[in-house]
Amino acid sequence: MVSDIEKSITFYERLGLSKSSDEARTGAQQIHGADDLPLTADATRSRIVVMKGEGQTSEIALLWYDRPPLASARSNLMGLGTGDVIIGVVVPDLQTAYAALDRIGARIEKGPNAFTAAPLGLRLYAYDPDGHMVELTQAGR
């Protein structure tokens, strides 16, 4: 669940993902997941955007509601603990992804660095617009 769908789409597009589907609904239709998820208010609009990397089978679904406003489930946004999500994205060129995130002012936790164990490669940690940690990796050559 994201608080600003456009910001989230832009973030993941900068990582090389693109929309594979984009569907908005209003109260006149069934709101995405409204019957299944424990929402704290009745949403009147929803949008779900599924994003996918070229040639990849993994996808990420970004789900937005007009209400309730998305509140942080964590009191300490600087640390990770039980229940947190780390999203893994494989990119073909980590330096290019790093530069793209830097241009949009993304919060980078740890810049490009080498894996200290197999498999060899590079990685960096950043946060998406809603504070979810994203681990970007590039396989070693």
Protein backbone atom coordinates (compact mmCIF):
# COMPACT_ATOMS: atom_id res chain seq x y z
CA MET A 1 0.00 0.00 0.00
CA VAL A 2 1.38 3.35 -1.00
CA SER A 3 0.39 6.87 -0.01
CA ASP A 4 1.28 8.59 -3.30
CA ILE A 5 0.87 6.31 -6.30
CA GLU A 6 2.52 8.67 -8.78
CA LYS A 7 5.64 9.10 -6.63
CA SER A 8 5.89 5.34 -6.22
CA ILE A 9 5.46 4.72 -9.95
CA THR A 10 8.21 7.25 -10.71
CA PHE A 11 10.51 5.64 -8.13
CA TYR A 12 10.17 2.15 -9.61
CA GLU A 13 10.38 3.42 -13.20
CA ARG A 14 13.75 4.93 -12.27
CA LEU A 15 14.85 1.41 -11.31
CA GLY A 16 13.96 0.13 -14.77
CA LEU A 17 10.51 -1.30 -14.06
CA SER A 18 7.51 -0.46 -16.22
CA LYS A 19 3.75 -0.81 -15.81
CA SER A 20 2.34 -4.17 -16.82
CA SER A 21 -1.15 -3.16 -15.67
CA ASP A 22 -2.86 -0.08 -14.25
CA GLU A 23 -6.45 -0.18 -13.00
CA ALA A 24 -8.42 2.45 -11.11
CA ARG A 25 -11.80 1.90 -9.47
CA THR A 26 -14.39 4.10 -7.80
CA GLY A 27 -17.15 3.49 -5.29
CA ALA A 28 -19.48 2.58 -8.15
CA GLN A 29 -17.24 -0.47 -8.71
CA GLN A 30 -15.78 -2.89 -6.20
CA ILE A 31 -12.77 -1.21 -4.56
CA HIS A 32 -9.59 -3.31 -4.84
CA GLY A 33 -9.35 -5.55 -1.77
CA ALA A 34 -11.96 -3.61 0.23
CA ASP A 35 -13.73 -6.83 1.19
CA ASP A 36 -10.51 -8.67 2.03
CA LEU A 37 -8.25 -6.13 3.74
CA PRO A 38 -8.81 -4.70 7.23
CA LEU A 39 -9.06 -1.05 6.14
CA THR A 40 -9.71 1.47 8.90
CA ALA A 41 -12.05 3.57 6.71
CA ASP A 42 -14.23 3.00 3.67
CA ALA A 43 -12.28 3.89 0.55
CA THR A 44 -14.16 5.50 -2.34
CA ARG A 45 -11.36 5.19 -4.91
CA SER A 46 -8.51 2.77 -5.44
CA ARG A 47 -5.78 2.15 -7.97
CA ILE A 48 -3.49 -0.81 -8.42
CA VAL A 49 -0.43 -0.60 -10.65
CA VAL A 50 1.61 -3.73 -11.33
CA MET A 51 5.21 -3.09 -12.37
CA LYS A 52 7.68 -5.50 -13.89
CA GLY A 53 11.26 -5.46 -15.15
CA GLU A 54 11.99 -6.30 -18.77
CA GLY A 55 12.48 -10.05 -19.17
CA GLN A 56 11.71 -10.69 -15.49
CA THR A 57 8.95 -12.79 -13.99
CA SER A 58 8.85 -10.92 -10.65
CA GLU A 59 6.36 -8.13 -10.21
CA ILE A 60 5.54 -5.50 -7.62
CA ALA A 61 1.99 -4.31 -7.05
CA LEU A 62 1.44 -0.76 -5.82
CA LEU A 63 -1.96 -0.37 -4.16
CA TRP A 64 -3.42 3.06 -3.35
CA TYR A 65 -6.64 4.12 -1.59
CA ASP A 66 -8.02 7.65 -1.27
CA ARG A 67 -8.65 6.82 2.38
CA PRO A 68 -7.73 5.81 4.97
CA PRO A 69 -4.52 7.80 4.85
CA LEU A 70 -1.55 5.47 5.00
CA ALA A 71 -0.06 5.61 8.47
CA SER A 72 3.33 4.23 9.33
CA ALA A 73 3.18 0.92 11.14
CA ARG A 74 6.62 1.59 12.59
CA SER A 75 7.66 4.17 15.13
CA ASN A 76 11.34 4.04 14.15
CA LEU A 77 11.76 4.65 10.42
CA MET A 78 15.55 4.54 10.76
CA GLY A 79 15.66 0.89 11.82
CA LEU A 80 14.37 -2.44 10.59
CA GLY A 81 12.59 -5.02 12.67
CA THR A 82 10.07 -7.83 12.57
CA GLY A 83 7.34 -7.22 10.02
CA ASP A 84 9.30 -4.83 7.81
CA VAL A 85 9.52 -5.40 4.09
CA ILE A 86 12.69 -5.30 1.99
CA ILE A 87 12.00 -5.26 -1.71
CA GLY A 88 14.71 -6.81 -3.90
CA VAL A 89 15.24 -5.46 -7.41
CA VAL A 90 17.90 -6.78 -9.80
CA VAL A 91 19.22 -4.07 -12.11
CA PRO A 92 21.57 -4.41 -15.09
CA ASP A 93 23.70 -1.38 -14.07
CA LEU A 94 23.79 -0.35 -10.41
CA GLN A 95 25.63 2.93 -11.03
CA THR A 96 22.93 4.04 -13.49
CA ALA A 97 20.19 3.17 -10.99
CA TYR A 98 22.10 4.97 -8.22
CA ALA A 99 22.42 8.12 -10.33
CA ALA A 100 18.70 8.02 -11.22
CA LEU A 101 17.69 7.73 -7.56
CA ASP A 102 20.10 10.50 -6.56
CA ARG A 103 18.55 12.83 -9.17
CA ILE A 104 15.09 12.44 -7.61
CA GLY A 105 16.42 12.85 -4.06
CA ALA A 106 15.70 9.31 -2.91
CA ARG A 107 16.96 8.44 0.56
CA ILE A 108 19.96 6.16 0.12
CA GLU A 109 20.80 4.07 3.18
CA LYS A 110 24.02 2.57 1.87
CA GLY A 111 25.52 3.42 -1.51
CA PRO A 112 26.92 0.99 -4.05
CA ASN A 113 29.18 -1.59 -2.44
CA ALA A 114 30.44 -5.08 -3.19
CA PHE A 115 28.89 -8.19 -1.71
CA THR A 116 31.20 -9.61 0.93
CA ALA A 117 30.14 -13.18 0.18
CA ALA A 118 29.10 -15.20 -2.87
CA PRO A 119 27.46 -14.55 -5.23
CA LEU A 120 29.71 -11.73 -6.34
CA GLY A 121 28.15 -8.45 -7.37
CA LEU A 122 27.19 -4.99 -6.20
CA ARG A 123 24.31 -3.73 -4.12
CA LEU A 124 22.85 -0.62 -2.54
CA TYR A 125 20.03 0.10 -0.14
CA ALA A 126 17.50 2.89 -0.65
CA TYR A 127 14.01 3.72 0.56
CA ASP A 128 10.95 4.11 -1.64
CA PRO A 129 8.60 7.08 -1.11
CA ASP A 130 6.71 5.23 1.66
CA GLY A 131 9.82 4.22 3.60
CA HIS A 132 10.07 0.61 2.37
CA MET A 133 13.67 -0.51 2.08
CA VAL A 134 14.73 -1.50 -1.43
CA GLU A 135 17.86 -3.58 -2.05
CA LEU A 136 19.15 -3.09 -5.58
CA THR A 137 21.60 -5.68 -6.82
CA GLN A 138 23.75 -6.14 -9.89
CA ALA A 139 25.25 -9.56 -10.53
CA GLY A 140 29.03 -9.81 -10.77
CA ARG A 141 30.68 -10.15 -14.13
